[in-house]
Amino acid sequence: MGFIRIKTDYNNMTIKISEHEERLKKLEQLKKIGINPYPSKTDRSHVISQVLTDFDQLNNKRNSVSLAGRLRSLRGHGNLIFAHLEDGSAKIQLVLSKKEMAGDLFQIFQKYLDIGDFIQIKGAPYITHAGEKSILVKDWKILAKALRPLPEKWHGLQDEEERLRKRYLDILFNPEVKELLEKRTIFWQAVRQFLTKQGFLEVETPVLENVTGGADARPFITHHNAMNLDVYLRISMGELWQKRLMIAGLEKTFEIGRQFRNEGMDSEHLQDYTQMEFYWAYADYEDGMKLVEQLFKFVAKETFGSLKFNKGKFDVDLAKPWQTYDYRTLVKQYTSIDVFKTNLPEIEKKLKQLKIDYDQHGFNLTRGLDNLWKYCRKQIAGPGFLIGLPVTISPLAKRDKANHEITQRFQLIIAGSELGNGYSELNDPLDQAERFRQQLSLREQGDEEAHMFDHDFVEALEYGMPPCCGFGMSDRVFSILSNKTVRECQIFPLMKPRD
């Protein structure tokens, strides 16, 4: 029998090409004998977990049940076939006996079905002589013929690229991956539940924008054919739009959705991910920090059933008192740099001493401070809030009342990572316009992450926006609490096409 090695497929495992051809032949034979291998209708009466839970009751009454799922094993013993059927809830043994089945159903099953096929069965629950809960099959029909054999080895595959490329197999073979994705859903449901109970209104804002705003990030650009203009995919969860809703008189809003940043990838960064942002009128950043602490404790408990987590070298307990960290103090402690007295050459020298790589294109004082802070942040376990961030790196935050060099801004720090960002939002239209001009100057000097000047937003601010607190968090929170990379926590992350 000939074999062929498929490059990178199943991590360089071999596939029997003849088996694929054999399944195609079986497909054609099923069609010839009048069996539709891909019907649309099923008559499932129970999921497998229900049968296992109520097995004694069903067995005593010799009830007939109808189950549907994928064949995960097959072995024949003369006039008996043993198989395992799996649906999304559990797995159960099937027993097919030639004398128990009408017509040629047994022979067709024996001849044309394979591991991986989806089928529906009808039969009675009973316990075999070996003591295994099983279904004695009386009737069956095929629901979907699998043309490719499931790989013999998948669990524990070390090639992350291959696992993520064939994510459907990763989920099928690894229960822990399925559990992770289920927890991710619970995580975002808990965020929504908490905010809704706090009186926040869920909204949807534009994904395509003429001007990006709300973050320091490089956007994706696409073309709008109907309007014949280039537009940007949003880099924030509608920050400047939600602020317009504050102007409109709404007092509490939030949005959970996808946003896009055309920049680097690592264990904490992706270009396409889920983000949440809320905006809260008549509140400031201190109110925001209190609410965010409550939010994180609620979501962690709902999702993981615990407030204690481990990430790398850090053991984190969300139940202990949350700290506040001063930006200037921490940077000086770890780098000897005073952020308010430094200059670009001094920062570049320090970055080289610390062996920190950085993008030199459009590099400026703002980017230098950001790189220094990221180095310092990795030393902090948290949980806590970073405060005292300079105006130069906070173009949308209100200045501090006592010190106009810093802003009323906070970043949530856990396990050396920034897990959220919030402000007392800037509502002075003249100050906002001036900061946009400063950001525009940085863009003209090559800083593609600097903010664009949003004239429409400044005009909206001139109609008056109440004092407001805003906060945003992303998939990174879930990945850190799960002790996984953010890529692993996405169901289908973007992959490069194969060569």
Protein backbone atom coordinates (compact mmCIF):
# COMPACT_ATOMS: atom_id res chain seq x y z
CA MET A 1 0.00 0.00 0.00
CA GLY A 2 1.50 3.36 -1.04
CA PHE A 3 2.04 6.23 1.41
CA ILE A 4 2.69 9.92 0.81
CA ARG A 5 4.02 12.51 3.27
CA ILE A 6 2.09 15.77 3.29
CA LYS A 7 4.34 18.72 4.18
CA THR A 8 3.51 20.17 7.65
CA ASP A 9 0.16 18.31 7.68
CA TYR A 10 -0.53 16.96 11.20
CA ASN A 11 3.00 17.97 12.17
CA ASN A 12 4.56 15.84 9.39
CA MET A 13 2.52 12.74 10.23
CA THR A 14 1.77 10.38 7.36
CA ILE A 15 -1.67 9.91 5.83
CA LYS A 16 -2.77 6.87 3.91
CA ILE A 17 -3.91 8.38 0.65
CA SER A 18 -5.63 5.13 -0.22
CA GLU A 19 -7.84 5.56 2.86
CA HIS A 20 -9.06 8.89 1.54
CA GLU A 21 -9.79 7.28 -1.82
CA GLU A 22 -11.52 4.39 -0.07
CA ARG A 23 -13.82 6.78 1.77
CA LEU A 24 -14.69 8.50 -1.48
CA LYS A 25 -15.65 5.11 -2.91
CA LYS A 26 -17.82 4.37 0.12
CA LEU A 27 -19.51 7.72 -0.35
CA GLU A 28 -20.39 6.83 -3.93
CA GLN A 29 -21.61 3.38 -2.92
CA LEU A 30 -23.91 4.86 -0.28
CA LYS A 31 -25.41 7.13 -2.92
CA LYS A 32 -25.87 4.20 -5.32
CA ILE A 33 -27.87 2.20 -2.78
CA GLY A 34 -30.12 5.19 -2.17
CA ILE A 35 -28.65 6.55 1.04
CA ASN A 36 -28.17 10.31 1.30
CA PRO A 37 -24.79 10.72 3.06
CA TYR A 38 -25.57 14.34 4.05
CA PRO A 39 -29.23 14.61 5.11
CA SER A 40 -30.51 17.80 6.74
CA LYS A 41 -33.03 16.30 9.19
CA THR A 42 -32.28 14.54 12.47
CA ASP A 43 -34.63 13.18 15.12
CA ARG A 44 -32.46 13.30 18.22
CA SER A 45 -34.43 12.79 21.43
CA HIS A 46 -31.59 13.08 23.96
CA VAL A 47 -28.03 14.28 24.25
CA ILE A 48 -25.66 11.61 25.49
CA SER A 49 -25.06 13.22 28.87
CA GLN A 50 -28.83 13.07 29.56
CA VAL A 51 -28.88 9.35 28.84
CA LEU A 52 -25.91 8.70 31.11
CA THR A 53 -27.46 10.77 33.92
CA ASP A 54 -30.88 9.08 33.67
CA PHE A 55 -29.49 5.71 32.62
CA ASP A 56 -31.02 3.58 35.38
CA GLN A 57 -34.47 5.00 34.81
CA LEU A 58 -34.25 4.60 31.04
CA ASN A 59 -32.76 1.09 31.33
CA ASN A 60 -35.45 -0.12 33.68
CA LYS A 61 -38.17 0.99 31.31
CA ARG A 62 -36.29 -0.28 28.24
CA ASN A 63 -37.02 3.05 26.60
CA SER A 64 -35.87 3.73 23.09
CA VAL A 65 -33.67 6.80 22.67
CA SER A 66 -32.42 8.59 19.59
CA LEU A 67 -28.86 9.96 19.72
CA ALA A 68 -26.69 11.79 17.20
CA GLY A 69 -22.95 12.37 17.12
CA ARG A 70 -19.58 11.37 15.71
CA LEU A 71 -18.20 7.83 15.67
CA ARG A 72 -15.00 7.87 17.69
CA SER A 73 -14.18 4.15 17.65
CA LEU A 74 -15.17 1.00 15.72
CA ARG A 75 -14.33 -2.64 16.27
CA GLY A 76 -16.04 -5.72 14.87
CA HIS A 77 -16.53 -9.16 16.42
CA GLY A 78 -18.32 -11.38 13.94
CA ASN A 79 -22.00 -10.51 14.16
CA LEU A 80 -21.34 -7.76 16.70
CA ILE A 81 -19.95 -4.26 16.24
CA PHE A 82 -18.83 -2.13 19.14
CA ALA A 83 -18.46 1.62 18.67
CA HIS A 84 -18.32 4.84 20.64
CA LEU A 85 -20.57 7.77 19.78
CA GLU A 86 -19.67 11.28 20.93
CA ASP A 87 -21.70 14.48 20.85
CA GLY A 88 -20.93 17.85 22.42
CA SER A 89 -21.92 16.61 25.87
CA ALA A 90 -20.39 13.13 26.38
CA LYS A 91 -19.47 9.76 24.83
CA ILE A 92 -21.27 6.40 25.05
CA GLN A 93 -20.70 2.87 23.76
CA LEU A 94 -22.89 1.50 20.96
CA VAL A 95 -23.52 -2.19 20.44
CA LEU A 96 -24.80 -3.33 17.04
CA SER A 97 -26.00 -6.90 16.75
CA LYS A 98 -26.85 -8.41 13.38
CA LYS A 99 -29.83 -10.29 14.80
CA GLU A 100 -31.25 -7.14 16.40
CA MET A 101 -31.25 -5.06 13.20
CA ALA A 102 -33.70 -5.21 10.32
CA GLY A 103 -32.78 -5.90 6.72
CA ASP A 104 -29.24 -5.16 5.67
CA LEU A 105 -28.63 -2.26 8.09
CA PHE A 106 -25.91 -4.20 9.91
CA GLN A 107 -24.04 -5.08 6.71
CA ILE A 108 -24.22 -1.50 5.37
CA PHE A 109 -22.90 -0.12 8.66
CA GLN A 110 -20.12 -2.70 8.69
CA LYS A 111 -19.14 -2.04 5.10
CA TYR A 112 -19.48 1.70 4.61
CA LEU A 113 -19.08 3.51 7.95
CA ASP A 114 -15.82 4.77 9.40
CA ILE A 115 -14.46 6.49 12.48
CA GLY A 116 -15.24 10.18 12.16
CA ASP A 117 -18.62 9.75 10.47
CA PHE A 118 -21.63 11.49 12.01
CA ILE A 119 -24.63 9.22 12.55
CA GLN A 120 -27.99 9.04 14.28
CA ILE A 121 -28.97 5.88 16.15
CA LYS A 122 -32.11 4.57 17.81
CA GLY A 123 -31.86 1.95 20.50
CA ALA A 124 -32.33 0.91 24.10
CA PRO A 125 -29.99 1.68 26.98
CA TYR A 126 -28.54 -1.42 28.61
CA ILE A 127 -25.46 -2.52 30.52
CA THR A 128 -23.08 -4.98 28.89
CA HIS A 129 -21.62 -8.07 30.58
CA ALA A 130 -18.48 -6.00 31.16
CA GLY A 131 -20.59 -3.50 33.12
CA GLU A 132 -20.41 -0.62 30.61
CA LYS A 133 -23.38 1.65 30.03
CA SER A 134 -24.27 1.19 26.35
CA ILE A 135 -26.96 1.55 23.72
CA LEU A 136 -28.22 -1.57 21.90
CA VAL A 137 -28.78 -0.13 18.43
CA LYS A 138 -31.97 -1.01 16.59
CA ASP A 139 -31.74 1.49 13.73
CA TRP A 140 -29.31 4.06 12.39
CA LYS A 141 -28.80 6.57 9.61
CA ILE A 142 -25.78 8.49 8.42
CA LEU A 143 -25.72 12.25 8.94
CA ALA A 144 -22.37 13.18 7.40
CA LYS A 145 -19.72 10.99 5.77
CA ALA A 146 -16.20 12.02 6.80
CA LEU A 147 -13.85 11.88 3.82
CA ARG A 148 -10.66 12.45 5.77
CA PRO A 149 -9.59 10.12 8.59
CA LEU A 150 -9.07 11.72 11.96
CA PRO A 151 -5.36 11.79 12.85
CA GLU A 152 -4.18 8.96 15.08
CA LYS A 153 -2.02 11.32 17.13
CA TRP A 154 -3.05 14.84 18.00
CA HIS A 155 -3.18 15.18 21.78
CA GLY A 156 -0.02 16.81 23.03
CA LEU A 157 1.05 18.09 19.61
CA GLN A 158 3.79 20.61 20.32
CA ASP A 159 3.65 22.57 17.07
CA GLU A 160 1.46 25.54 18.10
CA GLU A 161 1.12 26.75 14.51
CA GLU A 162 -0.32 23.43 13.41
CA ARG A 163 -2.66 23.18 16.37
CA LEU A 164 -4.03 26.67 15.75
CA ARG A 165 -4.25 26.16 11.99
CA LYS A 166 -6.41 23.07 12.52
CA ARG A 167 -8.16 24.44 15.55
CA TYR A 168 -11.20 22.24 14.94
CA LEU A 169 -9.03 19.17 15.55
CA ASP A 170 -7.39 20.79 18.56
CA ILE A 171 -10.83 21.31 20.13
CA LEU A 172 -12.04 17.85 19.11
CA PHE A 173 -9.09 16.00 20.64
CA ASN A 174 -8.25 18.23 23.61
CA PRO A 175 -11.05 18.72 26.18
CA GLU A 176 -9.00 21.40 27.94
CA VAL A 177 -9.07 23.56 24.80
CA LYS A 178 -12.84 23.28 24.60
CA GLU A 179 -13.07 24.16 28.30
CA LEU A 180 -10.86 27.22 27.75
CA LEU A 181 -13.10 28.50 24.96
CA GLU A 182 -16.20 27.89 27.05
CA LYS A 183 -14.65 29.89 29.89
CA ARG A 184 -13.88 32.73 27.49
CA THR A 185 -17.59 32.96 26.68
CA ILE A 186 -18.46 32.94 30.39
CA PHE A 187 -15.86 35.69 30.93
CA TRP A 188 -17.44 38.13 28.49
CA GLN A 189 -20.94 37.20 29.63
CA ALA A 190 -19.89 38.05 33.19
CA VAL A 191 -18.52 41.44 32.07
CA ARG A 192 -21.83 42.17 30.35
CA GLN A 193 -23.83 40.96 33.34
CA PHE A 194 -21.91 43.11 35.81
CA LEU A 195 -22.16 46.31 33.79
CA THR A 196 -25.82 45.79 32.97
CA LYS A 197 -26.61 45.36 36.67
CA GLN A 198 -24.75 48.61 37.31
CA GLY A 199 -27.13 50.41 34.96
CA PHE A 200 -24.90 50.61 31.87
CA LEU A 201 -26.53 50.52 28.43
CA GLU A 202 -24.87 48.29 25.82
CA VAL A 203 -24.32 50.13 22.52
CA GLU A 204 -22.77 49.51 19.11
CA THR A 205 -20.52 52.10 17.46
CA PRO A 206 -18.91 52.18 13.98
CA VAL A 207 -16.17 49.74 13.05
CA LEU A 208 -15.24 51.74 9.93
CA GLU A 209 -14.07 55.28 10.63
CA ASN A 210 -12.85 58.30 8.69
CA VAL A 211 -10.56 59.20 11.59
CA THR A 212 -9.24 56.71 14.14
CA GLY A 213 -9.15 57.65 17.79
CA GLY A 214 -9.12 56.43 21.35
CA ALA A 215 -5.71 54.74 21.39
CA ASP A 216 -2.05 54.97 20.39
CA ALA A 217 -2.00 52.40 17.60
CA ARG A 218 -1.39 51.92 13.90
CA PRO A 219 -4.69 51.27 12.09
CA PHE A 220 -5.66 48.97 9.24
CA ILE A 221 -6.75 50.84 6.11
CA THR A 222 -9.37 49.61 3.66
CA HIS A 223 -11.35 51.11 0.79
CA HIS A 224 -15.07 51.90 0.86
CA ASN A 225 -16.21 51.32 -2.71
CA ALA A 226 -19.66 52.91 -2.45
CA MET A 227 -18.24 56.19 -1.11
CA ASN A 228 -14.93 55.85 -2.98
CA LEU A 229 -12.81 56.70 0.03
CA ASP A 230 -10.24 55.07 2.26
CA VAL A 231 -11.41 54.28 5.79
CA TYR A 232 -9.86 52.80 8.91
CA LEU A 233 -10.81 49.82 11.04
CA ARG A 234 -11.34 51.07 14.58
CA ILE A 235 -8.48 50.89 17.09
CA SER A 236 -10.67 51.46 20.16
CA MET A 237 -14.11 50.31 21.23
CA GLY A 238 -15.81 53.48 20.06
CA GLU A 239 -14.21 55.80 22.60
CA LEU A 240 -14.91 59.04 20.76
CA TRP A 241 -18.35 57.75 19.74
CA GLN A 242 -19.32 56.77 23.27
CA LYS A 243 -18.22 60.21 24.45
CA ARG A 244 -20.61 61.67 21.89
CA LEU A 245 -23.30 59.63 23.63
CA MET A 246 -22.34 61.33 26.90
CA ILE A 247 -22.84 64.65 25.08
CA ALA A 248 -26.21 63.32 23.89
CA GLY A 249 -27.35 62.79 27.46
CA LEU A 250 -26.73 59.07 27.99
CA GLU A 251 -24.96 58.61 31.30
CA LYS A 252 -23.69 55.01 31.31
CA THR A 253 -22.74 53.10 28.16
CA PHE A 254 -20.50 50.18 27.24
CA GLU A 255 -19.57 48.19 24.16
CA ILE A 256 -18.03 44.74 23.70
CA GLY A 257 -16.75 44.03 20.20
CA ARG A 258 -13.82 43.49 17.85
CA GLN A 259 -11.11 46.06 17.24
CA PHE A 260 -8.05 46.04 15.02
CA ARG A 261 -4.48 47.27 15.39
CA ASN A 262 -1.93 46.85 12.64
CA GLU A 263 1.12 46.29 14.81
CA GLY A 264 3.29 43.62 16.41
CA MET A 265 2.33 40.15 17.67
CA ASP A 266 3.49 38.51 20.86
CA SER A 267 2.02 36.54 23.76
CA GLU A 268 -0.12 39.55 24.80
CA HIS A 269 -0.81 41.32 21.50
CA LEU A 270 -2.89 40.49 18.44
CA GLN A 271 -4.21 42.59 15.58
CA ASP A 272 -7.84 41.42 15.79
CA TYR A 273 -9.34 40.89 19.23
CA THR A 274 -12.26 41.57 21.57
CA GLN A 275 -12.35 44.73 23.66
CA MET A 276 -14.75 46.27 26.17
CA GLU A 277 -15.00 49.95 26.99
CA PHE A 278 -17.42 51.74 29.31
CA TYR A 279 -18.13 55.44 29.82
CA TRP A 280 -19.71 56.81 32.96
CA ALA A 281 -20.97 60.40 33.23
CA TYR A 282 -20.49 62.37 36.46
CA ALA A 283 -17.74 59.99 37.59
CA ASP A 284 -13.96 60.46 37.72
CA TYR A 285 -10.97 58.14 37.57
CA GLU A 286 -11.15 57.39 41.31
CA ASP A 287 -14.75 56.22 40.89
CA GLY A 288 -13.56 54.20 37.90
CA MET A 289 -10.86 52.40 39.88
CA LYS A 290 -13.37 51.36 42.53
CA LEU A 291 -15.79 50.03 39.93
CA VAL A 292 -13.07 48.22 37.98
CA GLU A 293 -11.85 46.42 41.11
CA GLN A 294 -15.42 45.21 41.72
CA LEU A 295 -15.74 44.21 38.06
CA PHE A 296 -12.56 42.13 38.06
CA LYS A 297 -13.42 40.31 41.26
CA PHE A 298 -16.92 39.49 39.98
CA VAL A 299 -15.73 38.31 36.56
CA ALA A 300 -12.86 36.23 37.98
CA LYS A 301 -15.18 34.47 40.42
CA GLU A 302 -17.85 33.84 37.78
CA THR A 303 -15.36 32.54 35.21
CA PHE A 304 -12.76 30.68 37.24
CA GLY A 305 -14.40 30.23 40.64
CA SER A 306 -11.34 31.77 42.29
CA LEU A 307 -9.58 35.06 42.98
CA LYS A 308 -6.11 33.46 43.04
CA PHE A 309 -4.06 33.05 39.86
CA ASN A 310 -0.54 32.22 38.70
CA LYS A 311 1.17 33.80 35.71
CA GLY A 312 4.84 33.03 35.21
CA LYS A 313 6.78 34.17 38.29
CA PHE A 314 3.75 35.91 39.80
CA ASP A 315 1.16 34.59 42.23
CA VAL A 316 -1.79 36.99 42.19
CA ASP A 317 -4.60 37.26 44.73
CA LEU A 318 -7.37 39.64 43.67
CA ALA A 319 -8.85 39.46 47.19
CA LYS A 320 -5.93 41.23 48.84
CA PRO A 321 -5.83 45.06 49.04
CA TRP A 322 -5.19 46.65 45.63
CA GLN A 323 -2.20 48.99 45.48
CA THR A 324 -1.61 52.30 43.68
CA TYR A 325 1.71 52.89 41.92
CA ASP A 326 3.11 56.25 40.88
CA TYR A 327 4.43 56.36 37.32
CA ARG A 328 7.32 58.77 37.98
CA THR A 329 8.42 56.96 41.14
CA LEU A 330 8.45 53.50 39.54
CA VAL A 331 10.31 54.53 36.39
CA LYS A 332 12.94 56.29 38.48
CA GLN A 333 13.20 53.29 40.82
CA TYR A 334 13.86 50.79 38.03
CA THR A 335 15.71 52.93 35.47
CA SER A 336 17.06 56.01 37.34
CA ILE A 337 15.25 58.17 34.75
CA ASP A 338 13.11 61.12 35.87
CA VAL A 339 10.31 61.18 33.31
CA PHE A 340 9.78 64.93 33.74
CA LYS A 341 13.44 65.92 33.41
CA THR A 342 14.69 63.51 30.77
CA ASN A 343 15.30 63.87 27.04
CA LEU A 344 15.33 61.56 24.04
CA PRO A 345 19.12 60.88 23.95
CA GLU A 346 19.08 59.90 27.65
CA ILE A 347 16.15 57.54 27.10
CA GLU A 348 17.77 55.93 24.06
CA LYS A 349 20.97 55.39 26.04
CA LYS A 350 19.03 53.75 28.86
CA LEU A 351 17.09 51.51 26.47
CA LYS A 352 20.37 50.27 25.01
CA GLN A 353 21.77 49.63 28.51
CA LEU A 354 18.65 47.61 29.35
CA LYS A 355 18.91 45.77 25.99
CA ILE A 356 15.36 46.78 25.04
CA ASP A 357 14.61 46.58 21.33
CA TYR A 358 12.34 49.28 19.94
CA ASP A 359 11.05 50.51 16.60
CA GLN A 360 13.20 53.48 15.60
CA HIS A 361 10.79 54.63 12.89
CA GLY A 362 9.10 57.80 14.16
CA PHE A 363 10.73 57.28 17.58
CA ASN A 364 10.18 60.20 19.96
CA LEU A 365 10.05 61.06 23.66
CA THR A 366 6.54 59.64 24.04
CA ARG A 367 7.50 56.28 22.54
CA GLY A 368 10.70 56.26 24.60
CA LEU A 369 8.81 56.74 27.85
CA ASP A 370 6.37 54.02 26.85
CA ASN A 371 9.21 51.53 26.25
CA LEU A 372 10.82 52.40 29.58
CA TRP A 373 7.53 51.94 31.42
CA LYS A 374 6.87 48.56 29.82
CA TYR A 375 10.23 47.39 31.18
CA CYS A 376 9.29 48.60 34.68
CA ARG A 377 5.80 47.15 34.53
CA LYS A 378 7.16 43.62 34.15
CA GLN A 379 8.48 43.82 37.71
CA ILE A 380 5.08 44.47 39.33
CA ALA A 381 2.83 41.65 40.55
CA GLY A 382 -0.27 43.68 41.44
CA PRO A 383 -3.14 43.78 41.65
CA GLY A 384 -3.03 47.57 41.55
CA PHE A 385 -3.43 50.76 39.59
CA LEU A 386 -0.73 52.87 38.00
CA ILE A 387 -1.46 56.60 38.37
CA GLY A 388 0.37 59.87 37.71
CA LEU A 389 0.88 59.30 33.97
CA PRO A 390 2.25 62.33 32.06
CA VAL A 391 0.06 64.47 29.79
CA THR A 392 2.41 63.74 26.86
CA ILE A 393 1.33 60.09 26.78
CA SER A 394 -2.31 60.70 27.73
CA PRO A 395 -3.90 62.84 25.01
CA LEU A 396 -7.49 62.03 26.01
CA ALA A 397 -7.22 62.26 29.82
CA LYS A 398 -8.03 65.22 32.05
CA ARG A 399 -5.11 66.98 33.74
CA ASP A 400 -4.61 66.46 37.45
CA LYS A 401 -5.97 69.33 39.54
CA ALA A 402 -2.80 69.76 41.59
CA ASN A 403 -0.14 68.89 39.00
CA HIS A 404 -0.85 69.82 35.38
CA GLU A 405 2.07 67.71 34.12
CA ILE A 406 0.16 64.53 34.92
CA THR A 407 -3.34 63.26 34.18
CA GLN A 408 -6.21 61.63 36.00
CA ARG A 409 -5.48 58.33 34.34
CA PHE A 410 -5.08 54.79 35.67
CA GLN A 411 -3.76 51.54 34.28
CA LEU A 412 -4.62 48.21 35.86
CA ILE A 413 -1.48 46.14 36.53
CA ILE A 414 -1.57 42.39 37.21
CA ALA A 415 1.33 39.93 36.81
CA GLY A 416 3.54 42.46 35.06
CA SER A 417 0.95 43.27 32.40
CA GLU A 418 -1.33 46.19 31.69
CA LEU A 419 -4.86 44.78 31.82
CA GLY A 420 -6.89 47.94 31.49
CA ASN A 421 -6.74 51.66 30.94
CA GLY A 422 -9.02 54.39 32.28
CA TYR A 423 -9.29 58.17 32.56
CA SER A 424 -11.15 61.08 33.88
CA GLU A 425 -12.01 61.91 30.29
CA LEU A 426 -10.92 65.24 28.87
CA ASN A 427 -14.00 67.40 28.21
CA ASP A 428 -12.34 70.78 27.62
CA PRO A 429 -12.63 71.28 23.82
CA LEU A 430 -9.79 73.83 23.68
CA ASP A 431 -7.40 71.60 25.61
CA GLN A 432 -8.46 68.62 23.47
CA ALA A 433 -7.84 70.53 20.24
CA GLU A 434 -4.38 71.55 21.41
CA ARG A 435 -3.48 67.95 22.32
CA PHE A 436 -4.72 66.75 18.94
CA ARG A 437 -2.44 69.34 17.32
CA GLN A 438 0.50 68.01 19.32
CA GLN A 439 -0.35 64.46 18.28
CA LEU A 440 -0.69 65.54 14.65
CA SER A 441 2.80 67.01 14.81
CA LEU A 442 4.12 63.66 16.02
CA ARG A 443 2.35 61.89 13.13
CA GLU A 444 3.92 64.31 10.65
CA GLN A 445 7.31 63.38 12.10
CA GLY A 446 6.66 59.69 11.39
CA ASP A 447 4.88 58.43 14.53
CA GLU A 448 2.13 56.30 12.99
CA GLU A 449 0.67 55.50 16.43
CA ALA A 450 -0.01 59.12 17.38
CA HIS A 451 -3.64 60.28 17.39
CA MET A 452 -5.25 61.83 14.34
CA PHE A 453 -6.96 65.21 14.66
CA ASP A 454 -10.68 64.55 14.92
CA HIS A 455 -12.30 67.90 14.11
CA ASP A 456 -15.84 66.50 14.38
CA PHE A 457 -15.18 65.25 17.89
CA VAL A 458 -13.79 68.62 19.00
CA GLU A 459 -16.91 70.27 17.57
CA ALA A 460 -19.08 67.81 19.52
CA LEU A 461 -17.18 68.65 22.72
CA GLU A 462 -17.97 72.32 22.17
CA TYR A 463 -21.64 71.48 22.79
CA GLY A 464 -20.60 70.33 26.26
CA MET A 465 -19.75 66.92 27.74
CA PRO A 466 -20.27 66.21 31.45
CA PRO A 467 -17.43 65.00 33.66
CA CYS A 468 -16.90 61.38 32.67
CA CYS A 469 -14.82 58.30 33.44
CA GLY A 470 -13.92 55.79 30.75
CA PHE A 471 -12.23 52.40 30.98
CA GLY A 472 -11.21 49.69 28.51
CA MET A 473 -10.01 46.08 28.76
CA SER A 474 -9.42 43.33 26.21
CA ASP A 475 -8.93 39.60 25.62
CA ARG A 476 -5.57 40.04 27.36
CA VAL A 477 -7.33 39.98 30.73
CA PHE A 478 -8.75 36.53 30.06
CA SER A 479 -5.44 35.23 28.71
CA ILE A 480 -3.48 36.41 31.76
CA LEU A 481 -5.98 34.95 34.23
CA SER A 482 -5.98 31.70 32.20
CA ASN A 483 -2.16 31.63 32.11
CA LYS A 484 -2.28 31.26 28.33
CA THR A 485 -1.10 33.35 25.40
CA VAL A 486 -3.74 35.64 23.96
CA ARG A 487 -3.47 33.72 20.68
CA GLU A 488 -4.38 30.44 22.36
CA CYS A 489 -7.46 32.12 23.82
CA GLN A 490 -8.86 33.00 20.40
CA ILE A 491 -10.97 30.37 18.70
CA PHE A 492 -9.54 30.94 15.22
CA PRO A 493 -6.54 33.29 15.26
CA LEU A 494 -5.32 34.68 11.94
CA MET A 495 -2.74 32.38 10.34
CA LYS A 496 -0.37 32.88 7.42
CA PRO A 497 -1.35 30.87 4.34
CA ARG A 498 0.80 27.83 3.66
CA ASP A 499 3.49 28.17 1.00
